[in-house]
Amino acid sequence: MIKNYSDTFLEEMKLLAKFPETSQLEGLKIHKEAAHSVIQAAQSLFDKGLISQHDGGYLTDSGLETAEHLRHVMTTLN
């Protein structure tokens, strides 16, 4: 089965991968000048409860778990 993934979905994965993996006390700030696709991805991650702010912030517990799974997939495929 082939599934077409939206650009927002792919941007969400890229953004999740940018969060620091060593500390939950470090986060990201998405600036107003960022690409629209990045801003949209951050809002989507916030809406899904994976990050604490619509413009970045910190990973939530669910976001931390999701980011860890993403890193496992990325490590396997690299």
C-alpha atoms as a PDB file:
ATOM      1  CA  MET A   1       0.000   0.000   0.000  1.00  0.00           C
ATOM      2  CA  ILE A   2       1.381   3.387  -1.007  1.00  0.00           C
ATOM      3  CA  LYS A   3       0.223   6.372   0.971  1.00  0.00           C
ATOM      4  CA  ASN A   4       0.700   9.945  -0.121  1.00  0.00           C
ATOM      5  CA  TYR A   5       1.887  12.059   2.780  1.00  0.00           C
ATOM      6  CA  SER A   6       1.108  15.742   2.911  1.00  0.00           C
ATOM      7  CA  ASP A   7       3.848  18.347   2.949  1.00  0.00           C
ATOM      8  CA  THR A   8       2.704  19.322   6.448  1.00  0.00           C
ATOM      9  CA  PHE A   9       3.162  15.740   7.648  1.00  0.00           C
ATOM     10  CA  LEU A  10       6.721  15.650   6.318  1.00  0.00           C
ATOM     11  CA  GLU A  11       7.467  19.073   7.836  1.00  0.00           C
ATOM     12  CA  GLU A  12       6.112  17.804  11.170  1.00  0.00           C
ATOM     13  CA  MET A  13       8.605  14.945  11.099  1.00  0.00           C
ATOM     14  CA  LYS A  14      11.463  17.291  10.210  1.00  0.00           C
ATOM     15  CA  LEU A  15      10.495  19.642  13.018  1.00  0.00           C
ATOM     16  CA  LEU A  16      10.172  16.840  15.574  1.00  0.00           C
ATOM     17  CA  ALA A  17      13.640  15.619  14.604  1.00  0.00           C
ATOM     18  CA  LYS A  18      15.088  19.057  15.424  1.00  0.00           C
ATOM     19  CA  PHE A  19      14.051  18.960  19.072  1.00  0.00           C
ATOM     20  CA  PRO A  20      16.943  18.166  21.422  1.00  0.00           C
ATOM     21  CA  GLU A  21      16.897  14.533  22.448  1.00  0.00           C
ATOM     22  CA  THR A  22      19.033  14.887  25.562  1.00  0.00           C
ATOM     23  CA  SER A  23      16.917  17.277  27.614  1.00  0.00           C
ATOM     24  CA  GLN A  24      13.241  18.037  28.002  1.00  0.00           C
ATOM     25  CA  LEU A  25      14.327  21.462  29.288  1.00  0.00           C
ATOM     26  CA  GLU A  26      15.419  22.576  25.821  1.00  0.00           C
ATOM     27  CA  GLY A  27      12.957  23.511  23.139  1.00  0.00           C
ATOM     28  CA  LEU A  28      12.539  25.330  19.837  1.00  0.00           C
ATOM     29  CA  LYS A  29      11.139  28.709  18.871  1.00  0.00           C
ATOM     30  CA  ILE A  30       9.562  29.073  15.438  1.00  0.00           C
ATOM     31  CA  HIS A  31       9.800  32.704  14.394  1.00  0.00           C
ATOM     32  CA  LYS A  32       7.173  34.591  12.400  1.00  0.00           C
ATOM     33  CA  GLU A  33       9.678  34.848   9.546  1.00  0.00           C
ATOM     34  CA  ALA A  34       9.979  31.066   9.213  1.00  0.00           C
ATOM     35  CA  ALA A  35       8.674  29.359   6.107  1.00  0.00           C
ATOM     36  CA  HIS A  36       4.897  29.007   6.092  1.00  0.00           C
ATOM     37  CA  SER A  37       5.244  25.212   5.950  1.00  0.00           C
ATOM     38  CA  VAL A  38       7.292  25.201   9.174  1.00  0.00           C
ATOM     39  CA  ILE A  39       4.807  27.479  10.954  1.00  0.00           C
ATOM     40  CA  GLN A  40       1.970  25.232   9.776  1.00  0.00           C
ATOM     41  CA  ALA A  41       3.817  22.120  10.969  1.00  0.00           C
ATOM     42  CA  ALA A  42       4.390  23.645  14.413  1.00  0.00           C
ATOM     43  CA  GLN A  43       0.711  24.535  14.715  1.00  0.00           C
ATOM     44  CA  SER A  44      -0.251  21.002  13.691  1.00  0.00           C
ATOM     45  CA  LEU A  45       2.107  19.454  16.270  1.00  0.00           C
ATOM     46  CA  PHE A  46       0.632  21.760  18.913  1.00  0.00           C
ATOM     47  CA  ASP A  47      -2.918  20.816  17.885  1.00  0.00           C
ATOM     48  CA  LYS A  48      -1.970  17.142  18.255  1.00  0.00           C
ATOM     49  CA  GLY A  49      -0.577  17.782  21.734  1.00  0.00           C
ATOM     50  CA  LEU A  50       3.027  16.969  20.824  1.00  0.00           C
ATOM     51  CA  ILE A  51       4.534  20.389  21.608  1.00  0.00           C
ATOM     52  CA  SER A  52       3.692  22.894  24.315  1.00  0.00           C
ATOM     53  CA  GLN A  53       3.267  26.053  22.212  1.00  0.00           C
ATOM     54  CA  HIS A  54       1.878  26.779  18.750  1.00  0.00           C
ATOM     55  CA  ASP A  55       5.265  28.268  17.821  1.00  0.00           C
ATOM     56  CA  GLY A  56       7.485  25.567  19.266  1.00  0.00           C
ATOM     57  CA  GLY A  57       8.157  25.411  22.966  1.00  0.00           C
ATOM     58  CA  TYR A  58       8.929  22.041  24.459  1.00  0.00           C
ATOM     59  CA  LEU A  59       7.974  18.490  23.653  1.00  0.00           C
ATOM     60  CA  THR A  60       5.099  17.185  25.723  1.00  0.00           C
ATOM     61  CA  ASP A  61       5.333  13.673  27.166  1.00  0.00           C
ATOM     62  CA  SER A  62       3.539  12.388  24.070  1.00  0.00           C
ATOM     63  CA  GLY A  63       5.813  14.463  21.840  1.00  0.00           C
ATOM     64  CA  LEU A  64       8.897  13.092  23.566  1.00  0.00           C
ATOM     65  CA  GLU A  65       7.715   9.538  22.969  1.00  0.00           C
ATOM     66  CA  THR A  66       6.838  10.283  19.337  1.00  0.00           C
ATOM     67  CA  ALA A  67      10.199  11.958  18.714  1.00  0.00           C
ATOM     68  CA  GLU A  68      11.964   8.933  20.185  1.00  0.00           C
ATOM     69  CA  HIS A  69      10.093   6.612  17.806  1.00  0.00           C
ATOM     70  CA  LEU A  70      10.953   8.914  14.906  1.00  0.00           C
ATOM     71  CA  ARG A  71      14.653   8.815  15.828  1.00  0.00           C
ATOM     72  CA  HIS A  72      14.548   4.994  15.878  1.00  0.00           C
ATOM     73  CA  VAL A  73      13.060   4.960  12.376  1.00  0.00           C
ATOM     74  CA  MET A  74      15.573   7.515  11.108  1.00  0.00           C
ATOM     75  CA  THR A  75      18.500   5.583  12.610  1.00  0.00           C
ATOM     76  CA  THR A  76      17.285   2.361  11.046  1.00  0.00           C
ATOM     77  CA  LEU A  77      16.875   3.905   7.605  1.00  0.00           C
ATOM     78  CA  ASN A  78      20.191   5.743   7.642  1.00  0.00           C
END
